[in-house]
C-alpha atoms as a PDB file:
ATOM      1  CA  LYS A   1      23.982 -13.767  26.273  1.00  0.00           C
ATOM      2  CA  PRO A   2      21.479 -15.158  25.922  1.00  0.00           C
ATOM      3  CA  PHE A   3      20.521 -13.850  22.475  1.00  0.00           C
ATOM      4  CA  THR A   4      18.097 -14.967  19.807  1.00  0.00           C
ATOM      5  CA  GLN A   5      17.090 -14.246  16.234  1.00  0.00           C
ATOM      6  CA  MET A   6      13.786 -12.732  15.125  1.00  0.00           C
ATOM      7  CA  ILE A   7      12.068 -12.110  11.812  1.00  0.00           C
ATOM      8  CA  SER A   8       9.583  -9.237  11.854  1.00  0.00           C
ATOM      9  CA  SER A   9       9.005  -9.088   8.091  1.00  0.00           C
ATOM     10  CA  ARG A  10       9.526 -11.137   4.945  1.00  0.00           C
ATOM     11  CA  GLY A  11      10.738  -9.835   1.622  1.00  0.00           C
ATOM     12  CA  CYS A  12      11.945  -6.449   0.384  1.00  0.00           C
ATOM     13  CA  PRO A  13      10.380  -3.771  -1.848  1.00  0.00           C
ATOM     14  CA  ALA A  14      13.676  -3.084  -3.679  1.00  0.00           C
ATOM     15  CA  LYS A  15      14.346  -4.828  -7.003  1.00  0.00           C
ATOM     16  CA  CYS A  16      18.120  -5.337  -6.974  1.00  0.00           C
ATOM     17  CA  THR A  17      19.263  -7.453  -9.913  1.00  0.00           C
ATOM     18  CA  PHE A  18      21.446  -9.789  -7.813  1.00  0.00           C
ATOM     19  CA  CYS A  19      18.668 -10.721  -5.386  1.00  0.00           C
ATOM     20  CA  VAL A  20      16.312 -13.733  -5.332  1.00  0.00           C
ATOM     21  CA  LEU A  21      14.062 -12.644  -2.449  1.00  0.00           C
ATOM     22  CA  GLU A  22      11.120 -12.045  -4.755  1.00  0.00           C
ATOM     23  CA  ASN A  23      11.254 -15.696  -5.830  1.00  0.00           C
ATOM     24  CA  HIS A  24      11.598 -16.837  -2.240  1.00  0.00           C
ATOM     25  CA  TRP A  25       9.080 -14.659  -0.372  1.00  0.00           C
ATOM     26  CA  GLY A  26       6.908 -13.231  -3.182  1.00  0.00           C
ATOM     27  CA  LYS A  27       6.663  -9.779  -4.720  1.00  0.00           C
ATOM     28  CA  ILE A  28       5.210  -8.018  -1.682  1.00  0.00           C
ATOM     29  CA  GLN A  29       6.981  -7.403   1.601  1.00  0.00           C
ATOM     30  CA  ARG A  30       4.874  -8.824   4.429  1.00  0.00           C
ATOM     31  CA  MET A  31       5.277  -7.194   7.804  1.00  0.00           C
ATOM     32  CA  ARG A  32       4.129  -8.109  11.274  1.00  0.00           C
ATOM     33  CA  SER A  33       2.597  -5.250  13.247  1.00  0.00           C
ATOM     34  CA  ALA A  34       4.804  -3.310  15.623  1.00  0.00           C
ATOM     35  CA  LYS A  35       2.686  -4.510  18.562  1.00  0.00           C
ATOM     36  CA  ASN A  36       3.090  -8.144  17.520  1.00  0.00           C
ATOM     37  CA  VAL A  37       6.871  -7.742  17.333  1.00  0.00           C
ATOM     38  CA  LEU A  38       7.068  -5.924  20.669  1.00  0.00           C
ATOM     39  CA  ASP A  39       4.894  -8.538  22.383  1.00  0.00           C
ATOM     40  CA  GLU A  40       7.219 -11.287  21.162  1.00  0.00           C
ATOM     41  CA  ILE A  41      10.290  -9.432  22.417  1.00  0.00           C
ATOM     42  CA  GLU A  42       8.589  -8.985  25.787  1.00  0.00           C
ATOM     43  CA  PHE A  43       7.817 -12.714  25.872  1.00  0.00           C
ATOM     44  CA  LEU A  44      11.417 -13.610  25.004  1.00  0.00           C
ATOM     45  CA  ILE A  45      12.789 -11.388  27.762  1.00  0.00           C
ATOM     46  CA  ALA A  46      10.317 -12.618  30.394  1.00  0.00           C
ATOM     47  CA  THR A  47      10.541 -16.312  29.462  1.00  0.00           C
ATOM     48  CA  TYR A  48      14.165 -16.786  28.427  1.00  0.00           C
ATOM     49  CA  GLY A  49      15.998 -13.752  29.828  1.00  0.00           C
ATOM     50  CA  ILE A  50      17.001 -12.634  26.323  1.00  0.00           C
ATOM     51  CA  LYS A  51      19.507  -9.764  26.339  1.00  0.00           C
ATOM     52  CA  GLU A  52      20.164  -9.379  22.617  1.00  0.00           C
ATOM     53  CA  ILE A  53      18.152  -9.786  19.427  1.00  0.00           C
ATOM     54  CA  HIS A  54      19.365 -10.248  15.860  1.00  0.00           C
ATOM     55  CA  PHE A  55      16.659  -9.111  13.445  1.00  0.00           C
ATOM     56  CA  GLU A  56      17.080 -11.312  10.368  1.00  0.00           C
ATOM     57  CA  ASP A  57      14.684  -9.278   8.212  1.00  0.00           C
ATOM     58  CA  ASP A  58      15.543  -8.683   4.579  1.00  0.00           C
ATOM     59  CA  ASN A  59      14.681  -4.988   5.001  1.00  0.00           C
ATOM     60  CA  LEU A  60      13.837  -4.118   8.611  1.00  0.00           C
ATOM     61  CA  THR A  61      13.460  -0.364   8.057  1.00  0.00           C
ATOM     62  CA  ALA A  62      11.661  -0.349   4.680  1.00  0.00           C
ATOM     63  CA  ASP A  63       8.484   0.955   6.331  1.00  0.00           C
ATOM     64  CA  LYS A  64       9.783   3.888   8.368  1.00  0.00           C
ATOM     65  CA  LYS A  65       6.566   4.384  10.364  1.00  0.00           C
ATOM     66  CA  ARG A  66       6.466   0.729  11.468  1.00  0.00           C
ATOM     67  CA  ALA A  67      10.196   0.666  12.232  1.00  0.00           C
ATOM     68  CA  ILE A  68       9.907   3.760  14.437  1.00  0.00           C
ATOM     69  CA  GLU A  69       6.887   2.241  16.200  1.00  0.00           C
ATOM     70  CA  ILE A  70       9.014  -0.821  17.010  1.00  0.00           C
ATOM     71  CA  PHE A  71      12.007   1.217  18.220  1.00  0.00           C
ATOM     72  CA  ASP A  72       9.830   3.630  20.245  1.00  0.00           C
ATOM     73  CA  GLY A  73       8.003   0.656  21.748  1.00  0.00           C
ATOM     74  CA  MET A  74      11.288  -0.968  22.785  1.00  0.00           C
ATOM     75  CA  ILE A  75      12.220   2.270  24.572  1.00  0.00           C
ATOM     76  CA  LYS A  76       8.813   2.840  26.198  1.00  0.00           C
ATOM     77  CA  ARG A  77       8.509  -0.746  27.422  1.00  0.00           C
ATOM     78  CA  GLY A  78      11.962  -0.457  28.971  1.00  0.00           C
ATOM     79  CA  PHE A  79      13.365  -3.596  27.345  1.00  0.00           C
ATOM     80  CA  ASN A  80      16.982  -2.521  27.911  1.00  0.00           C
ATOM     81  CA  ILE A  81      18.389  -5.016  25.394  1.00  0.00           C
ATOM     82  CA  ASN A  82      20.957  -4.817  22.614  1.00  0.00           C
ATOM     83  CA  TRP A  83      20.106  -5.563  19.010  1.00  0.00           C
ATOM     84  CA  GLN A  84      21.425  -5.558  15.486  1.00  0.00           C
ATOM     85  CA  SER A  85      20.392  -6.678  12.007  1.00  0.00           C
ATOM     86  CA  PRO A  86      23.263  -8.886  10.745  1.00  0.00           C
ATOM     87  CA  SER A  87      21.915  -9.290   7.200  1.00  0.00           C
ATOM     88  CA  GLY A  88      22.188  -5.540   6.671  1.00  0.00           C
ATOM     89  CA  ILE A  89      20.107  -2.378   6.687  1.00  0.00           C
ATOM     90  CA  ALA A  90      19.032  -0.693   3.447  1.00  0.00           C
ATOM     91  CA  VAL A  91      20.892   2.599   3.038  1.00  0.00           C
ATOM     92  CA  TYR A  92      17.974   4.321   1.302  1.00  0.00           C
ATOM     93  CA  THR A  93      15.694   3.791   4.332  1.00  0.00           C
ATOM     94  CA  LEU A  94      17.931   5.586   6.841  1.00  0.00           C
ATOM     95  CA  ASP A  95      17.943   9.172   8.053  1.00  0.00           C
ATOM     96  CA  ASP A  96      18.945  10.990  11.246  1.00  0.00           C
ATOM     97  CA  GLU A  97      15.594  10.397  12.934  1.00  0.00           C
ATOM     98  CA  ILE A  98      15.523   6.641  12.425  1.00  0.00           C
ATOM     99  CA  LEU A  99      19.218   6.259  13.344  1.00  0.00           C
ATOM    100  CA  GLU A 100      18.649   8.086  16.637  1.00  0.00           C
ATOM    101  CA  LYS A 101      15.668   5.839  17.442  1.00  0.00           C
ATOM    102  CA  MET A 102      17.728   2.761  16.591  1.00  0.00           C
ATOM    103  CA  LYS A 103      20.490   3.841  18.986  1.00  0.00           C
ATOM    104  CA  LYS A 104      18.091   4.683  21.839  1.00  0.00           C
ATOM    105  CA  SER A 105      16.330   1.327  21.467  1.00  0.00           C
ATOM    106  CA  GLY A 106      19.572  -0.647  21.851  1.00  0.00           C
ATOM    107  CA  CYS A 107      21.082  -0.970  18.361  1.00  0.00           C
ATOM    108  CA  TYR A 108      24.870  -1.092  18.569  1.00  0.00           C
ATOM    109  CA  ASN A 109      25.973  -2.071  15.060  1.00  0.00           C
ATOM    110  CA  ILE A 110      24.667  -1.268  11.582  1.00  0.00           C
ATOM    111  CA  PRO A 111      25.745  -3.242   8.493  1.00  0.00           C
ATOM    112  CA  LEU A 112      25.019  -1.168   5.389  1.00  0.00           C
ATOM    113  CA  GLY A 113      24.174  -2.752   2.031  1.00  0.00           C
ATOM    114  CA  ILE A 114      26.221  -0.309  -0.064  1.00  0.00           C
ATOM    115  CA  GLU A 115      27.260  -2.841  -2.764  1.00  0.00           C
ATOM    116  CA  SER A 116      29.311  -0.506  -5.009  1.00  0.00           C
ATOM    117  CA  GLY A 117      31.334   2.691  -4.866  1.00  0.00           C
ATOM    118  CA  ASP A 118      30.372   3.537  -8.447  1.00  0.00           C
ATOM    119  CA  GLN A 119      27.005   5.270  -8.828  1.00  0.00           C
ATOM    120  CA  GLU A 120      26.564   4.065 -12.402  1.00  0.00           C
ATOM    121  CA  VAL A 121      27.075   0.427 -11.381  1.00  0.00           C
ATOM    122  CA  LEU A 122      24.550   0.871  -8.570  1.00  0.00           C
ATOM    123  CA  SER A 123      21.905   2.548 -10.708  1.00  0.00           C
ATOM    124  CA  LYS A 124      22.273   0.889 -14.110  1.00  0.00           C
ATOM    125  CA  LEU A 125      23.628  -2.590 -13.377  1.00  0.00           C
ATOM    126  CA  MET A 126      22.435  -3.429  -9.861  1.00  0.00           C
ATOM    127  CA  HIS A 127      19.231  -1.342  -9.811  1.00  0.00           C
ATOM    128  CA  LYS A 128      20.151  -0.626  -6.189  1.00  0.00           C
ATOM    129  CA  PRO A 129      18.382   2.454  -4.745  1.00  0.00           C
ATOM    130  CA  VAL A 130      21.528   3.869  -3.100  1.00  0.00           C
ATOM    131  CA  ASN A 131      22.825   7.413  -3.433  1.00  0.00           C
ATOM    132  CA  LEU A 132      26.565   7.349  -2.697  1.00  0.00           C
ATOM    133  CA  LYS A 133      26.528  11.005  -1.596  1.00  0.00           C
ATOM    134  CA  LYS A 134      24.247   9.939   1.256  1.00  0.00           C
ATOM    135  CA  VAL A 135      26.456   7.038   2.375  1.00  0.00           C
ATOM    136  CA  THR A 136      29.394   9.111   3.651  1.00  0.00           C
ATOM    137  CA  GLU A 137      27.129  11.281   5.809  1.00  0.00           C
ATOM    138  CA  LEU A 138      25.266   8.219   7.111  1.00  0.00           C
ATOM    139  CA  VAL A 139      28.500   6.581   8.230  1.00  0.00           C
ATOM    140  CA  LYS A 140      29.525   9.800  10.033  1.00  0.00           C
ATOM    141  CA  LYS A 141      26.150   9.983  11.797  1.00  0.00           C
ATOM    142  CA  ILE A 142      26.281   6.313  12.850  1.00  0.00           C
ATOM    143  CA  ARG A 143      29.759   6.862  14.296  1.00  0.00           C
ATOM    144  CA  ALA A 144      28.668  10.071  16.054  1.00  0.00           C
ATOM    145  CA  LEU A 145      25.898   8.080  17.747  1.00  0.00           C
ATOM    146  CA  GLY A 146      28.464   5.562  19.013  1.00  0.00           C
ATOM    147  CA  MET A 147      27.405   2.586  16.907  1.00  0.00           C
ATOM    148  CA  GLY A 148      29.637   0.270  14.897  1.00  0.00           C
ATOM    149  CA  VAL A 149      29.265   0.274  11.118  1.00  0.00           C
ATOM    150  CA  LYS A 150      29.953  -2.359   8.452  1.00  0.00           C
ATOM    151  CA  GLY A 151      29.715  -2.172   4.679  1.00  0.00           C
ATOM    152  CA  PHE A 152      28.748  -4.888   2.191  1.00  0.00           C
ATOM    153  CA  PHE A 153      30.115  -4.642  -1.373  1.00  0.00           C
ATOM    154  CA  ILE A 154      29.806  -6.784  -4.527  1.00  0.00           C
ATOM    155  CA  LEU A 155      32.552  -6.947  -7.164  1.00  0.00           C
ATOM    156  CA  GLY A 156      32.600  -8.425 -10.671  1.00  0.00           C
ATOM    157  CA  PHE A 157      29.177  -7.551 -12.090  1.00  0.00           C
ATOM    158  CA  PRO A 158      28.720  -8.069 -15.843  1.00  0.00           C
ATOM    159  CA  ASP A 159      29.788  -4.862 -17.657  1.00  0.00           C
ATOM    160  CA  GLU A 160      31.649  -3.651 -14.566  1.00  0.00           C
ATOM    161  CA  THR A 161      35.138  -2.404 -15.447  1.00  0.00           C
ATOM    162  CA  LYS A 162      38.417  -2.676 -13.608  1.00  0.00           C
ATOM    163  CA  GLU A 163      38.154   1.065 -12.985  1.00  0.00           C
ATOM    164  CA  SER A 164      34.708   0.800 -11.382  1.00  0.00           C
ATOM    165  CA  ILE A 165      35.906  -2.075  -9.180  1.00  0.00           C
ATOM    166  CA  LEU A 166      38.853   0.053  -8.033  1.00  0.00           C
ATOM    167  CA  ARG A 167      36.441   2.952  -7.357  1.00  0.00           C
ATOM    168  CA  THR A 168      34.442   0.645  -5.097  1.00  0.00           C
ATOM    169  CA  ILE A 169      37.551  -0.408  -3.181  1.00  0.00           C
ATOM    170  CA  GLU A 170      38.721   3.209  -2.780  1.00  0.00           C
ATOM    171  CA  PHE A 171      35.233   4.325  -1.699  1.00  0.00           C
ATOM    172  CA  ALA A 172      35.107   1.543   0.897  1.00  0.00           C
ATOM    173  CA  LYS A 173      38.522   2.584   2.210  1.00  0.00           C
ATOM    174  CA  SER A 174      37.457   6.244   2.414  1.00  0.00           C
ATOM    175  CA  LEU A 175      34.551   5.374   4.711  1.00  0.00           C
ATOM    176  CA  GLU A 176      36.862   3.870   7.366  1.00  0.00           C
ATOM    177  CA  LEU A 177      34.292   1.231   8.295  1.00  0.00           C
ATOM    178  CA  ASP A 178      34.770  -1.154  11.214  1.00  0.00           C
ATOM    179  CA  TRP A 179      34.246  -4.090   8.850  1.00  0.00           C
ATOM    180  CA  THR A 180      34.264  -4.100   5.058  1.00  0.00           C
ATOM    181  CA  LEU A 181      32.947  -7.248   3.386  1.00  0.00           C
ATOM    182  CA  PHE A 182      33.520  -7.875  -0.321  1.00  0.00           C
ATOM    183  CA  PHE A 183      31.576 -10.523  -2.225  1.00  0.00           C
ATOM    184  CA  ILE A 184      31.991 -11.765  -5.792  1.00  0.00           C
ATOM    185  CA  ALA A 185      28.876 -11.275  -7.909  1.00  0.00           C
ATOM    186  CA  ALA A 186      27.051 -14.597  -8.114  1.00  0.00           C
ATOM    187  CA  PRO A 187      24.200 -15.216 -10.599  1.00  0.00           C
ATOM    188  CA  LEU A 188      21.833 -16.945  -8.188  1.00  0.00           C
ATOM    189  CA  PRO A 189      19.121 -18.950  -9.997  1.00  0.00           C
ATOM    190  CA  GLY A 190      15.936 -16.911 -10.302  1.00  0.00           C
ATOM    191  CA  SER A 191      17.636 -13.519 -10.009  1.00  0.00           C
ATOM    192  CA  PRO A 192      17.632 -10.992 -12.893  1.00  0.00           C
ATOM    193  CA  LEU A 193      21.446 -11.331 -12.837  1.00  0.00           C
ATOM    194  CA  TYR A 194      21.099 -15.074 -13.500  1.00  0.00           C
ATOM    195  CA  HIS A 195      18.900 -14.432 -16.549  1.00  0.00           C
ATOM    196  CA  LEU A 196      21.335 -11.790 -17.785  1.00  0.00           C
ATOM    197  CA  CYS A 197      24.239 -14.227 -17.512  1.00  0.00           C
END
């Protein structure tokens, strides 16, 4: 304490079938410059004594170059704050380099938008750009860096079978996450899932 929320970008370039972000923010992800974001953080620290930030972006790390500029800037400016992104971080945007920068800049917890433990459900039903083979190694790396890790999952997609749901549950258990959150698939108005239903 004190902490605050920030939004450094709007929208997401992914086209997941359960999502309505495109209807809400438009088809293009709009991002503030790294300098603009860093200047605001500096203002928040100097003016309000902020010690933690929750980035509420839909996809904070979609643009790797910009994300690294933000994390490097937080380190170079000596902010010495904690941060996380409670809405989740896109699995497909992460690698060792970006995870290490996140840790050094003050990130202490990473919620991963995994969504399913069945690759066919991810690729064919959700259109989610996640490779499950990458997820296990990512979780190990996050743990090795000393950060907490959560996983978000969705169950009950149209055409999903009992077997694929059980695969998701077993996959989630195998990861030994700090928090595992399961959601029931909901056809939100405006999403491709809604039109399918």
